[in-house]
C-alpha atoms as a PDB file:
ATOM      1  CA  MET A   1    -137.047-157.405  95.291  1.00  0.00           C
ATOM      2  CA  PRO A   2    -140.161-157.962  93.140  1.00  0.00           C
ATOM      3  CA  SER A   3    -142.099-161.115  93.945  1.00  0.00           C
ATOM      4  CA  SER A   4    -141.352-164.132  91.747  1.00  0.00           C
ATOM      5  CA  SER A   5    -145.128-164.759  91.591  1.00  0.00           C
ATOM      6  CA  PRO A   6    -146.818-161.453  90.712  1.00  0.00           C
ATOM      7  CA  GLN A   7    -150.334-161.041  92.057  1.00  0.00           C
ATOM      8  CA  ARG A   8    -153.325-160.966  89.724  1.00  0.00           C
ATOM      9  CA  PRO A   9    -156.068-158.739  91.134  1.00  0.00           C
ATOM     10  CA  ALA A  10    -159.743-159.560  90.714  1.00  0.00           C
ATOM     11  CA  SER A  11    -160.206-155.977  89.474  1.00  0.00           C
ATOM     12  CA  ALA A  12    -158.628-156.690  86.070  1.00  0.00           C
ATOM     13  CA  LEU A  13    -161.168-155.659  83.443  1.00  0.00           C
ATOM     14  CA  PRO A  14    -162.924-158.592  81.710  1.00  0.00           C
ATOM     15  CA  ASP A  15    -163.249-158.754  77.936  1.00  0.00           C
ATOM     16  CA  ARG A  16    -166.922-157.781  78.160  1.00  0.00           C
ATOM     17  CA  PHE A  17    -165.923-154.370  79.556  1.00  0.00           C
ATOM     18  CA  PHE A  18    -164.539-153.520  76.123  1.00  0.00           C
ATOM     19  CA  ASP A  19    -167.536-154.789  74.156  1.00  0.00           C
ATOM     20  CA  ARG A  20    -169.281-151.391  74.213  1.00  0.00           C
ATOM     21  CA  ASP A  21    -169.690-148.333  72.030  1.00  0.00           C
ATOM     22  CA  ALA A  22    -166.271-146.821  71.301  1.00  0.00           C
ATOM     23  CA  GLN A  23    -167.058-143.401  72.805  1.00  0.00           C
ATOM     24  CA  ILE A  24    -168.465-144.918  75.995  1.00  0.00           C
ATOM     25  CA  LEU A  25    -165.432-147.182  76.253  1.00  0.00           C
ATOM     26  CA  ALA A  26    -163.057-144.270  75.603  1.00  0.00           C
ATOM     27  CA  ARG A  27    -164.587-142.303  78.490  1.00  0.00           C
ATOM     28  CA  ASP A  28    -164.731-145.263  80.872  1.00  0.00           C
ATOM     29  CA  LEU A  29    -161.096-146.203  80.285  1.00  0.00           C
ATOM     30  CA  LEU A  30    -159.974-142.888  81.800  1.00  0.00           C
ATOM     31  CA  GLY A  31    -158.596-143.583  85.258  1.00  0.00           C
ATOM     32  CA  LYS A  32    -157.984-147.266  84.557  1.00  0.00           C
ATOM     33  CA  VAL A  33    -154.424-148.620  84.874  1.00  0.00           C
ATOM     34  CA  ILE A  34    -152.532-150.556  82.204  1.00  0.00           C
ATOM     35  CA  ARG A  35    -150.157-153.138  83.678  1.00  0.00           C
ATOM     36  CA  HIS A  36    -147.447-154.860  81.628  1.00  0.00           C
ATOM     37  CA  ARG A  37    -145.099-157.380  83.197  1.00  0.00           C
ATOM     38  CA  VAL A  38    -141.497-157.253  82.022  1.00  0.00           C
ATOM     39  CA  GLY A  39    -139.469-159.957  83.713  1.00  0.00           C
ATOM     40  CA  GLU A  40    -140.778-159.896  87.275  1.00  0.00           C
ATOM     41  CA  THR A  41    -141.649-156.183  87.302  1.00  0.00           C
ATOM     42  CA  TRP A  42    -145.113-154.806  86.574  1.00  0.00           C
ATOM     43  CA  LEU A  43    -144.845-151.531  84.628  1.00  0.00           C
ATOM     44  CA  SER A  44    -148.001-149.480  85.109  1.00  0.00           C
ATOM     45  CA  ALA A  45    -149.636-146.285  83.883  1.00  0.00           C
ATOM     46  CA  ARG A  46    -152.998-144.620  84.497  1.00  0.00           C
ATOM     47  CA  ILE A  47    -154.923-143.805  81.298  1.00  0.00           C
ATOM     48  CA  ILE A  48    -155.543-140.049  80.993  1.00  0.00           C
ATOM     49  CA  GLU A  49    -156.345-139.563  77.289  1.00  0.00           C
ATOM     50  CA  THR A  50    -158.195-141.684  74.724  1.00  0.00           C
ATOM     51  CA  GLU A  51    -159.632-141.385  71.214  1.00  0.00           C
ATOM     52  CA  ALA A  52    -162.624-143.277  69.792  1.00  0.00           C
ATOM     53  CA  TYR A  53    -162.688-144.521  66.200  1.00  0.00           C
ATOM     54  CA  TYR A  54    -165.499-146.008  64.100  1.00  0.00           C
ATOM     55  CA  VAL A  55    -165.398-147.978  60.872  1.00  0.00           C
ATOM     56  CA  ALA A  56    -167.906-145.580  59.263  1.00  0.00           C
ATOM     57  CA  GLU A  57    -165.791-142.435  59.668  1.00  0.00           C
ATOM     58  CA  LYS A  58    -162.774-141.564  57.586  1.00  0.00           C
ATOM     59  CA  GLY A  59    -160.325-140.989  60.436  1.00  0.00           C
ATOM     60  CA  SER A  60    -160.146-144.662  61.358  1.00  0.00           C
ATOM     61  CA  HIS A  61    -157.815-147.340  60.038  1.00  0.00           C
ATOM     62  CA  ALA A  62    -160.805-149.649  59.714  1.00  0.00           C
ATOM     63  CA  SER A  63    -162.446-147.303  57.189  1.00  0.00           C
ATOM     64  CA  LEU A  64    -159.736-148.398  54.725  1.00  0.00           C
ATOM     65  CA  GLY A  65    -161.097-151.932  54.849  1.00  0.00           C
ATOM     66  CA  TYR A  66    -160.161-155.278  56.318  1.00  0.00           C
ATOM     67  CA  THR A  67    -156.583-156.500  55.979  1.00  0.00           C
ATOM     68  CA  GLU A  68    -154.642-159.112  57.906  1.00  0.00           C
ATOM     69  CA  LYS A  69    -152.738-156.305  59.648  1.00  0.00           C
ATOM     70  CA  ARG A  70    -155.983-154.602  60.709  1.00  0.00           C
ATOM     71  CA  LYS A  71    -157.852-157.763  61.643  1.00  0.00           C
ATOM     72  CA  ALA A  72    -157.858-156.967  65.391  1.00  0.00           C
ATOM     73  CA  LEU A  73    -160.136-154.000  64.678  1.00  0.00           C
ATOM     74  CA  PHE A  74    -162.748-156.385  63.303  1.00  0.00           C
ATOM     75  CA  LEU A  75    -162.570-158.884  66.168  1.00  0.00           C
ATOM     76  CA  ASP A  76    -164.710-158.873  69.316  1.00  0.00           C
ATOM     77  CA  GLY A  77    -164.312-156.112  71.874  1.00  0.00           C
ATOM     78  CA  GLY A  78    -161.240-156.601  74.040  1.00  0.00           C
ATOM     79  CA  HIS A  79    -158.697-157.469  71.361  1.00  0.00           C
ATOM     80  CA  ILE A  80    -155.451-155.525  71.202  1.00  0.00           C
ATOM     81  CA  TYR A  81    -154.633-153.628  68.021  1.00  0.00           C
ATOM     82  CA  MET A  82    -151.114-152.241  67.740  1.00  0.00           C
ATOM     83  CA  TYR A  83    -149.487-150.402  64.865  1.00  0.00           C
ATOM     84  CA  TYR A  84    -146.465-148.218  64.143  1.00  0.00           C
ATOM     85  CA  ALA A  85    -146.884-144.432  64.215  1.00  0.00           C
ATOM     86  CA  ARG A  86    -144.087-141.921  63.704  1.00  0.00           C
ATOM     87  CA  GLY A  87    -141.463-144.583  64.342  1.00  0.00           C
ATOM     88  CA  GLY A  88    -143.040-145.925  67.516  1.00  0.00           C
ATOM     89  CA  ASP A  89    -145.680-148.368  68.706  1.00  0.00           C
ATOM     90  CA  SER A  90    -149.316-147.451  69.409  1.00  0.00           C
ATOM     91  CA  LEU A  91    -151.851-149.273  71.581  1.00  0.00           C
ATOM     92  CA  ASN A  92    -155.562-149.674  70.797  1.00  0.00           C
ATOM     93  CA  PHE A  93    -158.401-151.835  72.097  1.00  0.00           C
ATOM     94  CA  SER A  94    -161.243-153.101  69.912  1.00  0.00           C
ATOM     95  CA  ALA A  95    -164.735-151.991  70.967  1.00  0.00           C
ATOM     96  CA  HIS A  96    -168.271-153.153  70.161  1.00  0.00           C
ATOM     97  CA  GLY A  97    -168.928-153.598  66.474  1.00  0.00           C
ATOM     98  CA  PRO A  98    -166.521-154.606  63.688  1.00  0.00           C
ATOM     99  CA  GLY A  99    -163.993-151.872  62.938  1.00  0.00           C
ATOM    100  CA  ASN A 100    -164.570-149.786  66.076  1.00  0.00           C
ATOM    101  CA  ALA A 101    -161.792-149.169  68.591  1.00  0.00           C
ATOM    102  CA  VAL A 102    -160.195-146.886  71.171  1.00  0.00           C
ATOM    103  CA  LEU A 103    -156.657-145.517  70.905  1.00  0.00           C
ATOM    104  CA  ILE A 104    -154.817-145.062  74.205  1.00  0.00           C
ATOM    105  CA  LYS A 105    -153.389-141.629  73.522  1.00  0.00           C
ATOM    106  CA  SER A 106    -151.513-140.941  76.757  1.00  0.00           C
ATOM    107  CA  ALA A 107    -151.175-141.996  80.377  1.00  0.00           C
ATOM    108  CA  TYR A 108    -149.423-141.110  83.633  1.00  0.00           C
ATOM    109  CA  PRO A 109    -146.982-143.353  85.545  1.00  0.00           C
ATOM    110  CA  TRP A 110    -148.718-145.316  88.290  1.00  0.00           C
ATOM    111  CA  VAL A 111    -146.951-146.480  91.442  1.00  0.00           C
ATOM    112  CA  ASP A 112    -148.579-148.690  94.069  1.00  0.00           C
ATOM    113  CA  GLU A 113    -147.940-151.910  95.996  1.00  0.00           C
ATOM    114  CA  LEU A 114    -147.756-154.042  92.862  1.00  0.00           C
ATOM    115  CA  SER A 115    -145.858-151.523  90.738  1.00  0.00           C
ATOM    116  CA  GLY A 116    -143.419-149.956  93.158  1.00  0.00           C
ATOM    117  CA  PRO A 117    -140.445-147.605  92.723  1.00  0.00           C
ATOM    118  CA  GLU A 118    -138.610-150.226  90.676  1.00  0.00           C
ATOM    119  CA  SER A 119    -141.422-150.027  88.119  1.00  0.00           C
ATOM    120  CA  LEU A 120    -141.025-146.284  87.645  1.00  0.00           C
ATOM    121  CA  ALA A 121    -137.238-146.673  87.519  1.00  0.00           C
ATOM    122  CA  GLN A 122    -137.554-149.216  84.693  1.00  0.00           C
ATOM    123  CA  MET A 123    -139.973-146.973  82.778  1.00  0.00           C
ATOM    124  CA  LEU A 124    -137.479-144.112  83.050  1.00  0.00           C
ATOM    125  CA  LEU A 125    -134.790-146.378  81.603  1.00  0.00           C
ATOM    126  CA  ASN A 126    -137.120-147.488  78.813  1.00  0.00           C
ATOM    127  CA  ASN A 127    -137.966-143.968  77.678  1.00  0.00           C
ATOM    128  CA  PRO A 128    -135.152-141.407  78.118  1.00  0.00           C
ATOM    129  CA  ASN A 129    -134.896-138.089  76.303  1.00  0.00           C
ATOM    130  CA  VAL A 130    -133.293-138.124  72.855  1.00  0.00           C
ATOM    131  CA  ASP A 131    -129.977-137.079  74.415  1.00  0.00           C
ATOM    132  CA  GLY A 132    -130.106-140.004  76.823  1.00  0.00           C
ATOM    133  CA  SER A 133    -130.925-137.951  79.901  1.00  0.00           C
ATOM    134  CA  PRO A 134    -133.818-139.041  82.144  1.00  0.00           C
ATOM    135  CA  ARG A 135    -137.212-137.886  80.925  1.00  0.00           C
ATOM    136  CA  ALA A 136    -139.404-136.086  83.478  1.00  0.00           C
ATOM    137  CA  SER A 137    -141.786-138.659  84.945  1.00  0.00           C
ATOM    138  CA  HIS A 138    -144.890-136.643  84.025  1.00  0.00           C
ATOM    139  CA  LYS A 139    -143.763-136.758  80.366  1.00  0.00           C
ATOM    140  CA  LEU A 140    -142.957-140.484  80.276  1.00  0.00           C
ATOM    141  CA  CYS A 141    -146.327-141.471  78.778  1.00  0.00           C
ATOM    142  CA  ALA A 142    -147.438-138.106  77.333  1.00  0.00           C
ATOM    143  CA  GLY A 143    -148.197-139.469  73.863  1.00  0.00           C
ATOM    144  CA  GLN A 144    -149.189-142.764  72.262  1.00  0.00           C
ATOM    145  CA  THR A 145    -145.680-143.867  71.271  1.00  0.00           C
ATOM    146  CA  LEU A 146    -144.082-142.583  74.493  1.00  0.00           C
ATOM    147  CA  LEU A 147    -146.630-144.620  76.450  1.00  0.00           C
ATOM    148  CA  CYS A 148    -145.770-147.828  74.634  1.00  0.00           C
ATOM    149  CA  LYS A 149    -142.039-147.202  74.938  1.00  0.00           C
ATOM    150  CA  ALA A 150    -142.258-146.568  78.684  1.00  0.00           C
ATOM    151  CA  LEU A 151    -144.345-149.702  79.223  1.00  0.00           C
ATOM    152  CA  GLY A 152    -142.252-151.834  76.864  1.00  0.00           C
ATOM    153  CA  LEU A 153    -145.203-152.663  74.586  1.00  0.00           C
ATOM    154  CA  LYS A 154    -144.303-153.812  71.072  1.00  0.00           C
ATOM    155  CA  VAL A 155    -146.396-154.468  67.977  1.00  0.00           C
ATOM    156  CA  PRO A 156    -145.002-157.982  67.218  1.00  0.00           C
ATOM    157  CA  MET A 157    -145.758-159.216  70.728  1.00  0.00           C
ATOM    158  CA  TRP A 158    -149.281-157.920  71.263  1.00  0.00           C
ATOM    159  CA  ASP A 159    -151.048-157.081  67.996  1.00  0.00           C
ATOM    160  CA  ALA A 160    -154.322-159.064  67.578  1.00  0.00           C
ATOM    161  CA  LYS A 161    -153.903-160.706  71.007  1.00  0.00           C
ATOM    162  CA  ARG A 162    -156.273-160.913  73.956  1.00  0.00           C
ATOM    163  CA  PHE A 163    -155.322-159.644  77.402  1.00  0.00           C
ATOM    164  CA  ASP A 164    -153.246-162.010  79.536  1.00  0.00           C
ATOM    165  CA  GLN A 165    -153.451-161.512  83.295  1.00  0.00           C
ATOM    166  CA  GLU A 166    -149.972-162.987  83.636  1.00  0.00           C
ATOM    167  CA  LEU A 167    -148.471-160.369  81.312  1.00  0.00           C
ATOM    168  CA  LEU A 168    -150.800-157.546  80.228  1.00  0.00           C
ATOM    169  CA  TYR A 169    -154.152-156.321  81.478  1.00  0.00           C
ATOM    170  CA  VAL A 170    -156.137-153.196  82.334  1.00  0.00           C
ATOM    171  CA  GLU A 171    -157.243-152.754  85.932  1.00  0.00           C
ATOM    172  CA  ASP A 172    -159.908-150.749  87.712  1.00  0.00           C
ATOM    173  CA  VAL A 173    -158.053-149.290  90.704  1.00  0.00           C
ATOM    174  CA  GLY A 174    -160.970-147.127  91.815  1.00  0.00           C
ATOM    175  CA  GLN A 175    -159.747-143.913  90.173  1.00  0.00           C
ATOM    176  CA  THR A 176    -162.602-141.979  88.543  1.00  0.00           C
ATOM    177  CA  PRO A 177    -162.049-138.600  86.831  1.00  0.00           C
ATOM    178  CA  THR A 178    -164.010-135.800  88.463  1.00  0.00           C
ATOM    179  CA  GLN A 179    -164.436-134.170  85.055  1.00  0.00           C
ATOM    180  CA  ILE A 180    -163.792-135.238  81.460  1.00  0.00           C
ATOM    181  CA  ILE A 181    -162.893-133.017  78.517  1.00  0.00           C
ATOM    182  CA  GLN A 182    -164.340-133.952  75.120  1.00  0.00           C
ATOM    183  CA  THR A 183    -162.626-132.477  72.070  1.00  0.00           C
ATOM    184  CA  THR A 184    -161.349-133.250  68.575  1.00  0.00           C
ATOM    185  CA  ARG A 185    -158.803-135.966  67.884  1.00  0.00           C
ATOM    186  CA  LEU A 186    -155.191-135.188  67.049  1.00  0.00           C
ATOM    187  CA  GLY A 187    -153.315-135.862  63.824  1.00  0.00           C
ATOM    188  CA  ILE A 188    -156.389-136.472  61.668  1.00  0.00           C
ATOM    189  CA  PRO A 189    -155.710-135.247  58.090  1.00  0.00           C
ATOM    190  CA  SER A 190    -157.961-132.579  56.616  1.00  0.00           C
ATOM    191  CA  GLY A 191    -161.047-134.060  55.044  1.00  0.00           C
ATOM    192  CA  ARG A 192    -160.984-137.228  57.140  1.00  0.00           C
ATOM    193  CA  ASP A 193    -163.585-136.243  59.740  1.00  0.00           C
ATOM    194  CA  GLU A 194    -161.105-134.201  61.755  1.00  0.00           C
ATOM    195  CA  HIS A 195    -164.022-132.210  63.235  1.00  0.00           C
ATOM    196  CA  LEU A 196    -165.458-135.151  65.211  1.00  0.00           C
ATOM    197  CA  MET A 197    -165.108-134.732  68.976  1.00  0.00           C
ATOM    198  CA  TYR A 198    -164.014-138.261  69.754  1.00  0.00           C
ATOM    199  CA  ARG A 199    -161.074-137.418  72.036  1.00  0.00           C
ATOM    200  CA  PHE A 200    -161.486-137.668  75.814  1.00  0.00           C
ATOM    201  CA  VAL A 201    -159.126-136.324  78.487  1.00  0.00           C
ATOM    202  CA  ASP A 202    -159.139-136.655  82.278  1.00  0.00           C
ATOM    203  CA  ALA A 203    -159.417-132.963  83.198  1.00  0.00           C
ATOM    204  CA  GLY A 204    -157.259-133.408  86.307  1.00  0.00           C
ATOM    205  CA  TYR A 205    -154.376-134.569  84.096  1.00  0.00           C
ATOM    206  CA  ALA A 206    -154.920-132.216  81.139  1.00  0.00           C
ATOM    207  CA  PRO A 207    -151.434-130.608  81.422  1.00  0.00           C
ATOM    208  CA  TYR A 208    -149.823-134.037  81.014  1.00  0.00           C
ATOM    209  CA  CYS A 209    -151.640-135.379  77.949  1.00  0.00           C
ATOM    210  CA  THR A 210    -150.500-135.187  74.318  1.00  0.00           C
ATOM    211  CA  ARG A 211    -151.850-131.658  73.848  1.00  0.00           C
ATOM    212  CA  ASN A 212    -153.632-129.772  76.610  1.00  0.00           C
ATOM    213  CA  PRO A 213    -157.199-129.061  75.423  1.00  0.00           C
ATOM    214  CA  LEU A 214    -157.428-126.264  78.003  1.00  0.00           C
ATOM    215  CA  ARG A 215    -154.421-124.373  76.641  1.00  0.00           C
ATOM    216  CA  ARG A 216    -154.681-120.654  75.948  1.00  0.00           C
ATOM    217  CA  GLY A 217    -156.953-119.775  73.051  1.00  0.00           C
ATOM    218  CA  GLN A 218    -159.272-122.759  73.424  1.00  0.00           C
ATOM    219  CA  VAL A 219    -162.929-121.875  74.011  1.00  0.00           C
ATOM    220  CA  GLU A 220    -165.406-124.061  75.888  1.00  0.00           C
ATOM    221  CA  GLY A 221    -168.414-124.904  73.753  1.00  0.00           C
ATOM    222  CA  ARG A 222    -166.450-124.385  70.568  1.00  0.00           C
ATOM    223  CA  ASP A 223    -163.160-126.262  70.936  1.00  0.00           C
ATOM    224  CA  TYR A 224    -164.115-128.577  73.778  1.00  0.00           C
ATOM    225  CA  PHE A 225    -166.892-129.601  76.149  1.00  0.00           C
ATOM    226  CA  LEU A 226    -166.780-130.530  79.813  1.00  0.00           C
ATOM    227  CA  ILE A 227    -168.485-133.716  81.012  1.00  0.00           C
ATOM    228  CA  ASP A 228    -169.162-134.112  84.725  1.00  0.00           C
END
């Protein structure tokens, strides 16, 4: 049975961790674990893919200007910005500078002492295949809306909020990617700075992200770069 008083580790990332350049933050979030408490169960996933966005480039929501819905993008680093994409919820964190942020593009289920087998079981229930059958665990969080569905994250609950160590936080569990892939972002319309290489993938988890940047036909130095 899950504990009625979930632990709060000292390794939860402070707000100042997020108050950095969006690309630096996007890289440093790889390997960190998102934890969301639903009832008495902590649902958890390791971040394996991120995208950086800046107010000055056309691919970002912030480039369209300030609105009440987009206000989290213009708040201090460490605010949560959520929006609907393709019928699902998407999770972003504000970075240093008004309008700059990081999109959490995909993750991988994380099981440990705090988030045990019951956590993975609940995530499987949250995010089945369209026919209702269980989704393969490595595909549970393989996309920004799948990630939010598996973790039970919803726009009305978390948009423009700060992290809450009783309910939602990002933790450093000591997992550091051995290599990072830098490539172009996904889903950026033509003419909206789609060429910018602001997408970062944990190379060890490349087959499980939204789209594998190492798939056949991709050329190092042209389509992607490797960062040690």
